[in-house]
């Protein structure tokens, strides 16, 4: 079994009387996107901050894969192995796009030709080369989010934490960000990706975790989540109540054998039904 790039073991973190993360364990491997879905207050961002060394857990352990063996995320060599695109962004508005990238590349120890190459690759990756001299404070929301992602990957990390990277962006920027994340996976990066958007998780993630109240309620591939938590298919017939079915094609054959007239439609389980089955309510804004 491949060594995970990220391994979190029974993490617990409380703020006063509120337990934000309650015994959560998770692994992310190279070339894999693991998505975390959950309503506001579920603990997604706190979990990301624990895993990236921005917060210290009350108990439990995080290990980041690095040369020479796994490391605590607070250590410099572990930080060099990861990139973080935080919710709200990490952009310095008074600097240009290129100056932001130069700054972050330098903070990660890139110098000379290596830094120039990292910045140019990040500009191309985020489709911001034409805007490299524009002050970051003058970028649109979508452009800022693309820059935020570029800053996270400018030093070529093996592990990326992307915390709701498409919130508030236009359709074109969302498509560009999602395509960029897929490219990072193809390069072998391990990616922990939090989102409110069900369609993003369905299209992007190799495994999907559903969180609420600081706990991981389920974590698996979309197909397995649908099979285990999606509930039955619904066979819709004109003028009749829906028929709930675990084996819709067999039931359709039976209906046909009895000569049922009219148009028949089948609704299959989806990720929203899985979410509702596990949390008992829709995603909260």
Protein backbone atom coordinates (compact mmCIF):
# COMPACT_ATOMS: atom_id res chain seq x y z
CA UNK A 1 0.00 0.00 0.00
CA UNK A 2 1.30 3.44 -0.96
CA UNK A 3 2.31 5.68 1.94
CA UNK A 4 -0.32 8.40 2.39
CA UNK A 5 0.71 11.99 1.81
CA UNK A 6 -1.61 12.97 4.67
CA UNK A 7 -2.62 10.83 7.62
CA UNK A 8 -4.84 12.26 10.35
CA UNK A 9 -5.56 10.00 13.31
CA UNK A 10 -8.50 10.64 15.70
CA UNK A 11 -8.14 14.43 15.72
CA UNK A 12 -10.03 16.36 18.39
CA UNK A 13 -10.24 20.14 18.67
CA UNK A 14 -12.61 22.21 20.82
CA UNK A 15 -13.25 25.93 21.12
CA UNK A 16 -14.64 26.47 24.59
CA UNK A 17 -17.67 24.22 24.91
CA UNK A 18 -17.91 23.61 21.16
CA UNK A 19 -16.19 20.49 19.82
CA UNK A 20 -15.34 21.50 16.25
CA UNK A 21 -13.57 18.25 15.33
CA UNK A 22 -14.51 15.10 17.21
CA UNK A 23 -12.17 12.16 16.67
CA UNK A 24 -11.77 12.47 12.90
CA UNK A 25 -9.39 10.17 10.99
CA UNK A 26 -8.54 10.47 7.30
CA UNK A 27 -5.85 9.52 4.77
CA UNK A 28 -5.12 11.10 1.40
CA UNK A 29 -2.81 9.40 -1.10
CA UNK A 30 -0.79 10.74 -4.02
CA UNK A 31 -2.86 11.22 -7.16
CA UNK A 32 -6.11 11.33 -5.18
CA UNK A 33 -8.69 14.03 -4.48
CA UNK A 34 -10.62 13.53 -1.25
CA UNK A 35 -13.58 15.89 -0.91
CA UNK A 36 -15.23 16.98 2.32
CA UNK A 37 -18.88 18.03 2.19
CA UNK A 38 -20.80 19.50 5.06
CA UNK A 39 -22.89 22.45 6.22
CA UNK A 40 -21.36 25.55 7.78
CA UNK A 41 -20.11 24.63 11.23
CA UNK A 42 -19.50 21.01 10.31
CA UNK A 43 -15.78 21.34 11.10
CA UNK A 44 -14.30 21.22 7.59
CA UNK A 45 -12.14 24.34 7.85
CA UNK A 46 -10.99 23.50 11.38
CA UNK A 47 -9.95 20.06 10.15
CA UNK A 48 -7.98 21.60 7.27
CA UNK A 49 -6.25 23.99 9.67
CA UNK A 50 -5.32 21.11 11.97
CA UNK A 51 -3.91 19.05 9.11
CA UNK A 52 -1.91 21.97 7.70
CA UNK A 53 -0.38 22.94 11.04
CA UNK A 54 -2.31 26.18 11.51
CA UNK A 55 -3.98 24.77 14.63
CA UNK A 56 -2.80 22.28 17.23
CA UNK A 57 -5.19 19.40 18.06
CA UNK A 58 -6.33 18.81 21.62
CA UNK A 59 -5.60 15.15 20.94
CA UNK A 60 -4.79 12.94 17.99
CA UNK A 61 -1.99 13.19 15.47
CA UNK A 62 -1.28 14.45 11.94
CA UNK A 63 1.55 13.19 9.78
CA UNK A 64 2.70 14.67 6.45
CA UNK A 65 4.73 12.53 4.05
CA UNK A 66 8.18 14.02 3.41
CA UNK A 67 11.61 12.86 2.40
CA UNK A 68 13.05 10.84 5.27
CA UNK A 69 9.69 9.91 6.80
CA UNK A 70 6.40 11.36 8.04
CA UNK A 71 6.53 14.69 9.86
CA UNK A 72 4.44 16.85 12.16
CA UNK A 73 2.75 19.52 9.97
CA UNK A 74 4.24 22.34 12.04
CA UNK A 75 7.81 21.46 11.03
CA UNK A 76 9.44 23.47 8.21
CA UNK A 77 10.11 20.41 6.02
CA UNK A 78 6.47 19.38 6.33
CA UNK A 79 5.30 22.87 5.39
CA UNK A 80 7.54 22.77 2.32
CA UNK A 81 5.74 19.59 1.22
CA UNK A 82 2.27 21.17 1.34
CA UNK A 83 0.36 24.04 -0.24
CA UNK A 84 -2.66 25.74 1.31
CA UNK A 85 -5.37 27.74 -0.46
CA UNK A 86 -7.38 28.98 2.53
CA UNK A 87 -10.97 30.06 2.55
CA UNK A 88 -10.98 33.82 1.95
CA UNK A 89 -7.62 33.74 0.17
CA UNK A 90 -4.02 34.59 1.05
CA UNK A 91 -3.47 37.35 -1.53
CA UNK A 92 -1.59 40.57 -0.75
CA UNK A 93 -3.71 43.20 -2.48
CA UNK A 94 -1.01 45.86 -2.74
CA UNK A 95 1.31 43.57 -4.69
CA UNK A 96 0.94 42.62 -8.32
CA UNK A 97 0.01 39.09 -9.34
CA UNK A 98 3.64 38.30 -10.18
CA UNK A 99 4.94 39.92 -6.97
CA UNK A 100 2.57 37.75 -4.92
CA UNK A 101 3.95 34.65 -6.61
CA UNK A 102 7.55 35.82 -6.16
CA UNK A 103 6.88 36.40 -2.47
CA UNK A 104 5.33 32.99 -1.85
CA UNK A 105 7.96 31.19 -3.91
CA UNK A 106 10.67 32.92 -1.88
CA UNK A 107 9.01 32.03 1.42
CA UNK A 108 9.15 28.39 0.34
CA UNK A 109 12.86 28.66 -0.35
CA UNK A 110 12.84 28.90 -4.16
CA UNK A 111 15.68 31.00 -5.55
CA UNK A 112 16.95 32.16 -8.93
CA UNK A 113 15.94 30.12 -11.95
CA UNK A 114 13.89 27.72 -9.81
CA UNK A 115 11.77 30.60 -8.49
CA UNK A 116 11.30 32.10 -11.97
CA UNK A 117 10.24 28.72 -13.31
CA UNK A 118 7.81 28.16 -10.42
CA UNK A 119 6.22 31.59 -10.88
CA UNK A 120 5.88 31.20 -14.65
CA UNK A 121 4.38 27.73 -14.29
CA UNK A 122 1.91 29.05 -11.71
CA UNK A 123 0.92 31.98 -13.95
CA UNK A 124 0.25 29.64 -16.85
CA UNK A 125 -1.56 27.15 -14.62
CA UNK A 126 -3.93 29.84 -13.27
CA UNK A 127 -4.31 31.50 -16.70
CA UNK A 128 -3.07 34.79 -15.26
CA UNK A 129 0.00 35.47 -17.43
CA UNK A 130 -1.72 38.41 -19.14
CA UNK A 131 -2.50 39.92 -15.73
CA UNK A 132 0.87 39.38 -14.04
CA UNK A 133 1.53 43.12 -13.55
CA UNK A 134 -1.97 43.97 -12.30
CA UNK A 135 -2.31 44.76 -8.56
CA UNK A 136 -4.05 41.84 -6.87
CA UNK A 137 -6.53 44.26 -5.31
CA UNK A 138 -7.85 45.03 -8.81
CA UNK A 139 -8.60 41.41 -9.74
CA UNK A 140 -12.12 40.07 -10.06
CA UNK A 141 -13.33 37.47 -7.58
CA UNK A 142 -12.64 34.61 -9.96
CA UNK A 143 -9.17 35.92 -10.81
CA UNK A 144 -8.34 36.25 -7.10
CA UNK A 145 -9.37 32.67 -6.45
CA UNK A 146 -7.22 31.47 -9.35
CA UNK A 147 -4.30 33.44 -7.91
CA UNK A 148 -5.01 31.92 -4.49
CA UNK A 149 -4.69 28.46 -6.05
CA UNK A 150 -1.50 29.48 -7.90
CA UNK A 151 0.07 30.68 -4.64
CA UNK A 152 -0.64 27.29 -3.07
CA UNK A 153 1.11 25.35 -5.85
CA UNK A 154 3.93 27.72 -6.87
CA UNK A 155 6.57 25.61 -5.04
CA UNK A 156 5.35 22.27 -6.43
CA UNK A 157 4.03 20.64 -3.23
CA UNK A 158 2.97 17.01 -3.09
CA UNK A 159 0.00 17.77 -0.81
CA UNK A 160 -2.61 20.51 -1.30
CA UNK A 161 -5.35 21.79 1.00
CA UNK A 162 -8.05 23.60 -0.99
CA UNK A 163 -10.72 25.06 1.29
CA UNK A 164 -13.82 25.97 -0.76
CA UNK A 165 -11.77 27.38 -3.67
CA UNK A 166 -14.76 28.18 -5.93
CA UNK A 167 -16.99 30.12 -3.53
CA UNK A 168 -18.34 33.27 -5.18
CA UNK A 169 -16.62 32.84 -8.54
CA UNK A 170 -18.10 33.11 -12.03
CA UNK A 171 -18.83 30.07 -14.17
CA UNK A 172 -15.73 30.43 -16.34
CA UNK A 173 -13.39 30.76 -13.35
CA UNK A 174 -15.04 27.80 -11.63
CA UNK A 175 -14.46 25.66 -14.70
CA UNK A 176 -10.82 26.82 -14.88
CA UNK A 177 -10.22 26.06 -11.20
CA UNK A 178 -11.77 22.60 -11.42
CA UNK A 179 -9.73 21.79 -14.51
CA UNK A 180 -6.61 23.01 -12.73
CA UNK A 181 -7.31 20.80 -9.72
CA UNK A 182 -7.68 17.79 -12.01
CA UNK A 183 -4.31 18.64 -13.59
CA UNK A 184 -2.70 18.74 -10.15
CA UNK A 185 -4.06 15.25 -9.43
CA UNK A 186 -2.67 14.04 -12.76
CA UNK A 187 0.73 15.37 -11.70
CA UNK A 188 0.52 13.13 -8.64
CA UNK A 189 -0.57 15.61 -5.96
CA UNK A 190 -2.65 14.50 -3.00
CA UNK A 191 -5.54 16.95 -2.55
CA UNK A 192 -7.93 17.55 0.33
CA UNK A 193 -10.81 19.60 -1.10
CA UNK A 194 -13.66 21.11 0.90
CA UNK A 195 -16.81 22.35 -0.80
CA UNK A 196 -20.51 23.07 -0.41
CA UNK A 197 -21.20 22.17 -4.01
CA UNK A 198 -22.47 18.64 -4.53
CA UNK A 199 -21.88 18.71 -8.28
CA UNK A 200 -18.22 19.61 -7.74
CA UNK A 201 -17.70 16.68 -5.40
CA UNK A 202 -19.42 14.30 -7.82
CA UNK A 203 -17.34 15.45 -10.79
CA UNK A 204 -14.00 15.90 -9.09
CA UNK A 205 -13.41 13.65 -6.11
CA UNK A 206 -12.11 10.10 -5.97
CA UNK A 207 -13.55 9.74 -2.48
CA UNK A 208 -16.14 11.91 -0.75
CA UNK A 209 -16.46 12.44 2.98
CA UNK A 210 -19.59 13.85 4.59
CA UNK A 211 -19.09 15.76 7.84
CA UNK A 212 -21.38 17.21 10.46
CA UNK A 213 -20.81 18.31 14.05
CA UNK A 214 -17.10 17.60 13.75
CA UNK A 215 -17.54 13.95 12.79
CA UNK A 216 -16.95 12.10 9.56
CA UNK A 217 -20.26 10.36 8.88
CA UNK A 218 -19.12 8.50 5.75
CA UNK A 219 -16.12 8.38 3.43
CA UNK A 220 -16.06 6.42 0.19
CA UNK A 221 -16.33 6.58 -3.58
CA UNK A 222 -19.48 8.14 -5.01
CA UNK A 223 -20.69 4.75 -6.24
CA UNK A 224 -20.33 3.14 -2.81
CA UNK A 225 -21.95 6.08 -1.03
CA UNK A 226 -24.92 5.87 -3.39
CA UNK A 227 -25.21 2.13 -2.87
CA UNK A 228 -25.00 2.33 0.92
CA UNK A 229 -26.87 5.55 1.69
CA UNK A 230 -28.73 6.72 -1.41
CA UNK A 231 -31.94 4.85 -0.75
CA UNK A 232 -34.12 3.18 -3.39
CA UNK A 233 -34.74 4.17 -6.99
CA UNK A 234 -38.11 5.77 -7.74
CA UNK A 235 -40.18 4.48 -10.64
CA UNK A 236 -42.53 7.23 -11.78
CA UNK A 237 -45.72 6.26 -13.60
CA UNK A 238 -48.37 8.67 -14.90
CA UNK A 239 -51.23 9.02 -12.44
CA UNK A 240 -49.69 6.79 -9.76
CA UNK A 241 -47.66 7.15 -6.59
CA UNK A 242 -43.91 6.53 -7.11
CA UNK A 243 -42.78 2.93 -6.75
CA UNK A 244 -39.69 2.55 -4.54
CA UNK A 245 -37.38 -0.06 -5.97
CA UNK A 246 -33.98 -1.53 -5.15
CA UNK A 247 -33.87 -3.32 -8.52
CA UNK A 248 -35.65 -1.00 -10.95
CA UNK A 249 -34.86 -2.89 -14.15
CA UNK A 250 -36.42 -6.07 -12.79
CA UNK A 251 -39.48 -4.11 -11.65
CA UNK A 252 -39.70 -2.40 -15.06
CA UNK A 253 -39.68 -5.78 -16.76
CA UNK A 254 -42.50 -6.89 -14.50
CA UNK A 255 -44.50 -3.77 -15.31
CA UNK A 256 -43.95 -4.37 -19.02
CA UNK A 257 -45.01 -8.00 -18.65
CA UNK A 258 -48.30 -6.80 -17.16
CA UNK A 259 -48.78 -4.44 -20.10
CA UNK A 260 -48.56 -1.20 -18.15
CA UNK A 261 -49.36 1.62 -20.58
CA UNK A 262 -47.85 5.10 -20.73
CA UNK A 263 -44.46 6.64 -20.16
CA UNK A 264 -42.26 5.37 -17.31
CA UNK A 265 -39.36 7.29 -15.74
CA UNK A 266 -36.74 6.14 -13.22
CA UNK A 267 -35.10 8.51 -10.73
CA UNK A 268 -31.84 7.12 -9.34
CA UNK A 269 -30.31 8.05 -5.96
CA UNK A 270 -27.93 11.01 -5.99
CA UNK A 271 -25.43 12.63 -3.64
CA UNK A 272 -28.05 15.00 -2.21
CA UNK A 273 -30.08 12.01 -1.04
CA UNK A 274 -26.94 10.54 0.54
CA UNK A 275 -26.30 13.82 2.35
CA UNK A 276 -29.87 13.99 3.62
CA UNK A 277 -29.78 10.36 4.71
CA UNK A 278 -26.66 11.00 6.77
CA UNK A 279 -27.30 14.47 8.18
CA UNK A 280 -31.09 14.73 8.11
CA UNK A 281 -31.08 18.19 6.49
CA UNK A 282 -29.97 20.07 3.41
CA UNK A 283 -26.64 21.87 3.13
CA UNK A 284 -26.70 25.14 5.08
CA UNK A 285 -25.47 28.39 3.53
